Amino acid sequence: MLSGVGYKKTFKDRLFGHPYLKPESIHLLSLVDILSKTDSYQLAIQYIPKLKLVEEINWKQFK
């Protein structure tokens, strides 16, 4: 899921409050993470290699 607006702290608390979900399988990334290729993004592409395909998008087409 990609959110352009973001998420509230309560969302994160509820999401990670489920004992049956493995925390390492959830990657909450912002557009800044993706476009800046932050450490969070680098970790996410290790688990989700196809996520790297977003680097091929011509972002300038969205004005």
PDB file of N, CA and C in Angstrom:
ATOM      1  N   MET A   1       0.851  -1.158   0.000  1.00  0.00           N
ATOM      2  CA  MET A   1       0.000   0.000   0.000  1.00  0.00           C
ATOM      3  C   MET A   1       0.901   1.226   0.000  1.00  0.00           C
ATOM      4  N   LEU A   2       0.552   2.197  -0.781  1.00  0.00           N
ATOM      5  CA  LEU A   2       1.317   3.445  -0.831  1.00  0.00           C
ATOM      6  C   LEU A   2       0.378   4.590  -0.488  1.00  0.00           C
ATOM      7  N   SER A   3       0.774   5.393   0.449  1.00  0.00           N
ATOM      8  CA  SER A   3      -0.048   6.523   0.863  1.00  0.00           C
ATOM      9  C   SER A   3       0.699   7.812   0.608  1.00  0.00           C
ATOM     10  N   GLY A   4       0.100   8.697  -0.156  1.00  0.00           N
ATOM     11  CA  GLY A   4       0.732   9.982  -0.431  1.00  0.00           C
ATOM     12  C   GLY A   4       0.595  10.957   0.715  1.00  0.00           C
ATOM     13  N   VAL A   5      -0.353  10.720   1.593  1.00  0.00           N
ATOM     14  CA  VAL A   5      -0.605  11.619   2.712  1.00  0.00           C
ATOM     15  C   VAL A   5       0.124  11.154   3.964  1.00  0.00           C
ATOM     16  N   GLY A   6       0.205   9.871   4.146  1.00  0.00           N
ATOM     17  CA  GLY A   6       0.854   9.325   5.331  1.00  0.00           C
ATOM     18  C   GLY A   6      -0.125   8.593   6.207  1.00  0.00           C
ATOM     19  N   TYR A   7       0.285   8.336   7.413  1.00  0.00           N
ATOM     20  CA  TYR A   7      -0.556   7.592   8.340  1.00  0.00           C
ATOM     21  C   TYR A   7      -0.348   8.158   9.736  1.00  0.00           C
ATOM     22  N   LYS A   8      -1.355   7.944  10.566  1.00  0.00           N
ATOM     23  CA  LYS A   8      -1.289   8.442  11.943  1.00  0.00           C
ATOM     24  C   LYS A   8      -0.555   7.443  12.821  1.00  0.00           C
ATOM     25  N   LYS A   9      -0.054   7.909  13.955  1.00  0.00           N
ATOM     26  CA  LYS A   9       0.638   7.052  14.910  1.00  0.00           C
ATOM     27  C   LYS A   9      -0.264   5.916  15.366  1.00  0.00           C
ATOM     28  N   THR A  10      -1.559   6.185  15.509  1.00  0.00           N
ATOM     29  CA  THR A  10      -2.482   5.137  15.967  1.00  0.00           C
ATOM     30  C   THR A  10      -2.535   3.974  14.976  1.00  0.00           C
ATOM     31  N   PHE A  11      -2.395   4.277  13.687  1.00  0.00           N
ATOM     32  CA  PHE A  11      -2.367   3.213  12.686  1.00  0.00           C
ATOM     33  C   PHE A  11      -1.182   2.289  12.933  1.00  0.00           C
ATOM     34  N   LYS A  12      -0.034   2.888  13.134  1.00  0.00           N
ATOM     35  CA  LYS A  12       1.186   2.113  13.369  1.00  0.00           C
ATOM     36  C   LYS A  12       1.063   1.283  14.653  1.00  0.00           C
ATOM     37  N   ASP A  13       0.509   1.881  15.709  1.00  0.00           N
ATOM     38  CA  ASP A  13       0.320   1.163  16.977  1.00  0.00           C
ATOM     39  C   ASP A  13      -0.583  -0.052  16.792  1.00  0.00           C
ATOM     40  N   ARG A  14      -1.705   0.139  16.083  1.00  0.00           N
ATOM     41  CA  ARG A  14      -2.642  -0.967  15.861  1.00  0.00           C
ATOM     42  C   ARG A  14      -2.030  -2.030  14.956  1.00  0.00           C
ATOM     43  N   LEU A  15      -1.334  -1.608  13.934  1.00  0.00           N
ATOM     44  CA  LEU A  15      -0.739  -2.546  12.993  1.00  0.00           C
ATOM     45  C   LEU A  15       0.285  -3.444  13.674  1.00  0.00           C
ATOM     46  N   PHE A  16       1.185  -2.843  14.418  1.00  0.00           N
ATOM     47  CA  PHE A  16       2.228  -3.625  15.073  1.00  0.00           C
ATOM     48  C   PHE A  16       1.753  -4.260  16.375  1.00  0.00           C
ATOM     49  N   GLY A  17       0.505  -4.042  16.748  1.00  0.00           N
ATOM     50  CA  GLY A  17      -0.057  -4.651  17.947  1.00  0.00           C
ATOM     51  C   GLY A  17      -0.586  -6.051  17.718  1.00  0.00           C
ATOM     52  N   HIS A  18      -0.565  -6.521  16.476  1.00  0.00           N
ATOM     53  CA  HIS A  18      -1.056  -7.860  16.164  1.00  0.00           C
ATOM     54  C   HIS A  18       0.078  -8.870  16.325  1.00  0.00           C
ATOM     55  N   PRO A  19      -0.070  -9.783  17.284  1.00  0.00           N
ATOM     56  CA  PRO A  19       1.028 -10.718  17.581  1.00  0.00           C
ATOM     57  C   PRO A  19       1.326 -11.709  16.457  1.00  0.00           C
ATOM     58  N   TYR A  20       0.379 -11.959  15.568  1.00  0.00           N
ATOM     59  CA  TYR A  20       0.591 -12.950  14.521  1.00  0.00           C
ATOM     60  C   TYR A  20       1.286 -12.384  13.282  1.00  0.00           C
ATOM     61  N   LEU A  21       1.477 -11.073  13.231  1.00  0.00           N
ATOM     62  CA  LEU A  21       2.189 -10.461  12.109  1.00  0.00           C
ATOM     63  C   LEU A  21       3.663 -10.292  12.463  1.00  0.00           C
ATOM     64  N   LYS A  22       4.530 -10.687  11.548  1.00  0.00           N
ATOM     65  CA  LYS A  22       5.958 -10.500  11.768  1.00  0.00           C
ATOM     66  C   LYS A  22       6.313  -9.060  11.414  1.00  0.00           C
ATOM     67  N   PRO A  23       6.922  -8.314  12.332  1.00  0.00           N
ATOM     68  CA  PRO A  23       7.256  -6.908  12.061  1.00  0.00           C
ATOM     69  C   PRO A  23       8.144  -6.719  10.838  1.00  0.00           C
ATOM     70  N   GLU A  24       9.034  -7.677  10.563  1.00  0.00           N
ATOM     71  CA  GLU A  24       9.930  -7.507   9.434  1.00  0.00           C
ATOM     72  C   GLU A  24       9.229  -7.661   8.094  1.00  0.00           C
ATOM     73  N   SER A  25       7.968  -8.126   8.114  1.00  0.00           N
ATOM     74  CA  SER A  25       7.238  -8.275   6.858  1.00  0.00           C
ATOM     75  C   SER A  25       6.419  -7.032   6.521  1.00  0.00           C
ATOM     76  N   ILE A  26       6.487  -6.020   7.371  1.00  0.00           N
ATOM     77  CA  ILE A  26       5.724  -4.789   7.161  1.00  0.00           C
ATOM     78  C   ILE A  26       6.703  -3.639   6.974  1.00  0.00           C
ATOM     79  N   HIS A  27       6.549  -2.922   5.876  1.00  0.00           N
ATOM     80  CA  HIS A  27       7.437  -1.802   5.581  1.00  0.00           C
ATOM     81  C   HIS A  27       6.578  -0.573   5.317  1.00  0.00           C
ATOM     82  N   LEU A  28       6.599   0.375   6.236  1.00  0.00           N
ATOM     83  CA  LEU A  28       5.854   1.616   6.085  1.00  0.00           C
ATOM     84  C   LEU A  28       6.786   2.647   5.463  1.00  0.00           C
ATOM     85  N   LEU A  29       6.570   2.922   4.184  1.00  0.00           N
ATOM     86  CA  LEU A  29       7.434   3.834   3.452  1.00  0.00           C
ATOM     87  C   LEU A  29       6.667   5.071   3.012  1.00  0.00           C
ATOM     88  N   SER A  30       7.329   6.193   3.042  1.00  0.00           N
ATOM     89  CA  SER A  30       6.751   7.414   2.503  1.00  0.00           C
ATOM     90  C   SER A  30       7.302   7.612   1.089  1.00  0.00           C
ATOM     91  N   LEU A  31       6.736   8.546   0.366  1.00  0.00           N
ATOM     92  CA  LEU A  31       7.285   8.870  -0.950  1.00  0.00           C
ATOM     93  C   LEU A  31       8.717   9.368  -0.832  1.00  0.00           C
ATOM     94  N   VAL A  32       9.011  10.068   0.247  1.00  0.00           N
ATOM     95  CA  VAL A  32      10.382  10.542   0.484  1.00  0.00           C
ATOM     96  C   VAL A  32      11.323   9.341   0.610  1.00  0.00           C
ATOM     97  N   ASP A  33      10.892   8.301   1.321  1.00  0.00           N
ATOM     98  CA  ASP A  33      11.715   7.096   1.451  1.00  0.00           C
ATOM     99  C   ASP A  33      12.048   6.510   0.083  1.00  0.00           C
ATOM    100  N   ILE A  34      11.022   6.426  -0.761  1.00  0.00           N
ATOM    101  CA  ILE A  34      11.201   5.815  -2.079  1.00  0.00           C
ATOM    102  C   ILE A  34      12.063   6.686  -2.979  1.00  0.00           C
ATOM    103  N   LEU A  35      11.738   7.964  -3.060  1.00  0.00           N
ATOM    104  CA  LEU A  35      12.462   8.847  -3.973  1.00  0.00           C
ATOM    105  C   LEU A  35      13.884   9.142  -3.507  1.00  0.00           C
ATOM    106  N   SER A  36      14.104   9.145  -2.200  1.00  0.00           N
ATOM    107  CA  SER A  36      15.440   9.409  -1.654  1.00  0.00           C
ATOM    108  C   SER A  36      16.239   8.135  -1.410  1.00  0.00           C
ATOM    109  N   LYS A  37      15.598   7.006  -1.608  1.00  0.00           N
ATOM    110  CA  LYS A  37      16.231   5.695  -1.402  1.00  0.00           C
ATOM    111  C   LYS A  37      16.853   5.599  -0.006  1.00  0.00           C
ATOM    112  N   THR A  38      16.033   5.874   0.985  1.00  0.00           N
ATOM    113  CA  THR A  38      16.484   5.856   2.377  1.00  0.00           C
ATOM    114  C   THR A  38      16.825   4.434   2.825  1.00  0.00           C
ATOM    115  N   ASP A  39      17.358   4.333   4.032  1.00  0.00           N
ATOM    116  CA  ASP A  39      17.668   3.021   4.600  1.00  0.00           C
ATOM    117  C   ASP A  39      16.414   2.154   4.706  1.00  0.00           C
ATOM    118  N   SER A  40      15.278   2.767   5.037  1.00  0.00           N
ATOM    119  CA  SER A  40      14.015   2.016   5.133  1.00  0.00           C
ATOM    120  C   SER A  40      13.648   1.427   3.779  1.00  0.00           C
ATOM    121  N   TYR A  41      13.852   2.210   2.732  1.00  0.00           N
ATOM    122  CA  TYR A  41      13.581   1.736   1.370  1.00  0.00           C
ATOM    123  C   TYR A  41      14.532   0.592   1.002  1.00  0.00           C
ATOM    124  N   GLN A  42      15.813   0.755   1.307  1.00  0.00           N
ATOM    125  CA  GLN A  42      16.803  -0.279   0.993  1.00  0.00           C
ATOM    126  C   GLN A  42      16.462  -1.596   1.684  1.00  0.00           C
ATOM    127  N   LEU A  43      15.997  -1.510   2.935  1.00  0.00           N
ATOM    128  CA  LEU A  43      15.586  -2.708   3.667  1.00  0.00           C
ATOM    129  C   LEU A  43      14.354  -3.340   3.017  1.00  0.00           C
ATOM    130  N   ALA A  44      13.411  -2.512   2.621  1.00  0.00           N
ATOM    131  CA  ALA A  44      12.182  -3.021   2.008  1.00  0.00           C
ATOM    132  C   ALA A  44      12.459  -3.755   0.704  1.00  0.00           C
ATOM    133  N   ILE A  45      13.374  -3.256  -0.112  1.00  0.00           N
ATOM    134  CA  ILE A  45      13.623  -3.932  -1.391  1.00  0.00           C
ATOM    135  C   ILE A  45      14.349  -5.267  -1.202  1.00  0.00           C
ATOM    136  N   GLN A  46      14.959  -5.472  -0.044  1.00  0.00           N
ATOM    137  CA  GLN A  46      15.532  -6.785   0.243  1.00  0.00           C
ATOM    138  C   GLN A  46      14.420  -7.821   0.408  1.00  0.00           C
ATOM    139  N   TYR A  47      13.294  -7.398   0.978  1.00  0.00           N
ATOM    140  CA  TYR A  47      12.155  -8.295   1.196  1.00  0.00           C
ATOM    141  C   TYR A  47      11.193  -8.300   0.013  1.00  0.00           C
ATOM    142  N   ILE A  48      11.133  -7.178  -0.699  1.00  0.00           N
ATOM    143  CA  ILE A  48      10.203  -7.024  -1.824  1.00  0.00           C
ATOM    144  C   ILE A  48      11.002  -6.526  -3.025  1.00  0.00           C
ATOM    145  N   PRO A  49      11.725  -7.400  -3.704  1.00  0.00           N
ATOM    146  CA  PRO A  49      12.601  -6.969  -4.802  1.00  0.00           C
ATOM    147  C   PRO A  49      11.877  -6.204  -5.918  1.00  0.00           C
ATOM    148  N   LYS A  50      10.634  -6.545  -6.194  1.00  0.00           N
ATOM    149  CA  LYS A  50       9.910  -5.852  -7.269  1.00  0.00           C
ATOM    150  C   LYS A  50       9.617  -4.394  -6.930  1.00  0.00           C
ATOM    151  N   LEU A  51       9.728  -4.025  -5.668  1.00  0.00           N
ATOM    152  CA  LEU A  51       9.542  -2.634  -5.270  1.00  0.00           C
ATOM    153  C   LEU A  51      10.552  -1.736  -5.991  1.00  0.00           C
ATOM    154  N   LYS A  52      11.687  -2.273  -6.307  1.00  0.00           N
ATOM    155  CA  LYS A  52      12.741  -1.516  -6.993  1.00  0.00           C
ATOM    156  C   LYS A  52      12.283  -1.028  -8.373  1.00  0.00           C
ATOM    157  N   LEU A  53      11.232  -1.631  -8.916  1.00  0.00           N
ATOM    158  CA  LEU A  53      10.706  -1.213 -10.216  1.00  0.00           C
ATOM    159  C   LEU A  53      10.184   0.223 -10.194  1.00  0.00           C
ATOM    160  N   VAL A  54       9.868   0.759  -9.021  1.00  0.00           N
ATOM    161  CA  VAL A  54       9.404   2.149  -8.960  1.00  0.00           C
ATOM    162  C   VAL A  54      10.493   3.118  -9.405  1.00  0.00           C
ATOM    163  N   GLU A  55      11.736   2.669  -9.387  1.00  0.00           N
ATOM    164  CA  GLU A  55      12.843   3.519  -9.840  1.00  0.00           C
ATOM    165  C   GLU A  55      12.796   3.755 -11.348  1.00  0.00           C
ATOM    166  N   GLU A  56      12.066   2.919 -12.055  1.00  0.00           N
ATOM    167  CA  GLU A  56      11.955   3.059 -13.503  1.00  0.00           C
ATOM    168  C   GLU A  56      10.835   4.015 -13.923  1.00  0.00           C
ATOM    169  N   ILE A  57      10.038   4.470 -12.984  1.00  0.00           N
ATOM    170  CA  ILE A  57       8.934   5.381 -13.281  1.00  0.00           C
ATOM    171  C   ILE A  57       9.487   6.767 -13.592  1.00  0.00           C
ATOM    172  N   ASN A  58       8.992   7.368 -14.642  1.00  0.00           N
ATOM    173  CA  ASN A  58       9.350   8.748 -14.980  1.00  0.00           C
ATOM    174  C   ASN A  58       8.428   9.671 -14.169  1.00  0.00           C
ATOM    175  N   TRP A  59       8.868  10.084 -13.006  1.00  0.00           N
ATOM    176  CA  TRP A  59       8.052  10.853 -12.069  1.00  0.00           C
ATOM    177  C   TRP A  59       7.719  12.233 -12.624  1.00  0.00           C
ATOM    178  N   LYS A  60       8.483  12.737 -13.576  1.00  0.00           N
ATOM    179  CA  LYS A  60       8.234  14.071 -14.132  1.00  0.00           C
ATOM    180  C   LYS A  60       6.943  14.119 -14.935  1.00  0.00           C
ATOM    181  N   GLN A  61       6.429  12.963 -15.330  1.00  0.00           N
ATOM    182  CA  GLN A  61       5.185  12.939 -16.101  1.00  0.00           C
ATOM    183  C   GLN A  61       3.968  13.298 -15.240  1.00  0.00           C
ATOM    184  N   PHE A  62       4.110  13.244 -13.915  1.00  0.00           N
ATOM    185  CA  PHE A  62       3.014  13.551 -12.998  1.00  0.00           C
ATOM    186  C   PHE A  62       3.135  14.994 -12.529  1.00  0.00           C
ATOM    187  N   LYS A  63       2.468  15.878 -13.210  1.00  0.00           N
ATOM    188  CA  LYS A  63       2.546  17.316 -12.854  1.00  0.00           C
ATOM    189  C   LYS A  63       1.229  17.805 -12.356  1.00  0.00           C
TER     190      LYS A  63
END
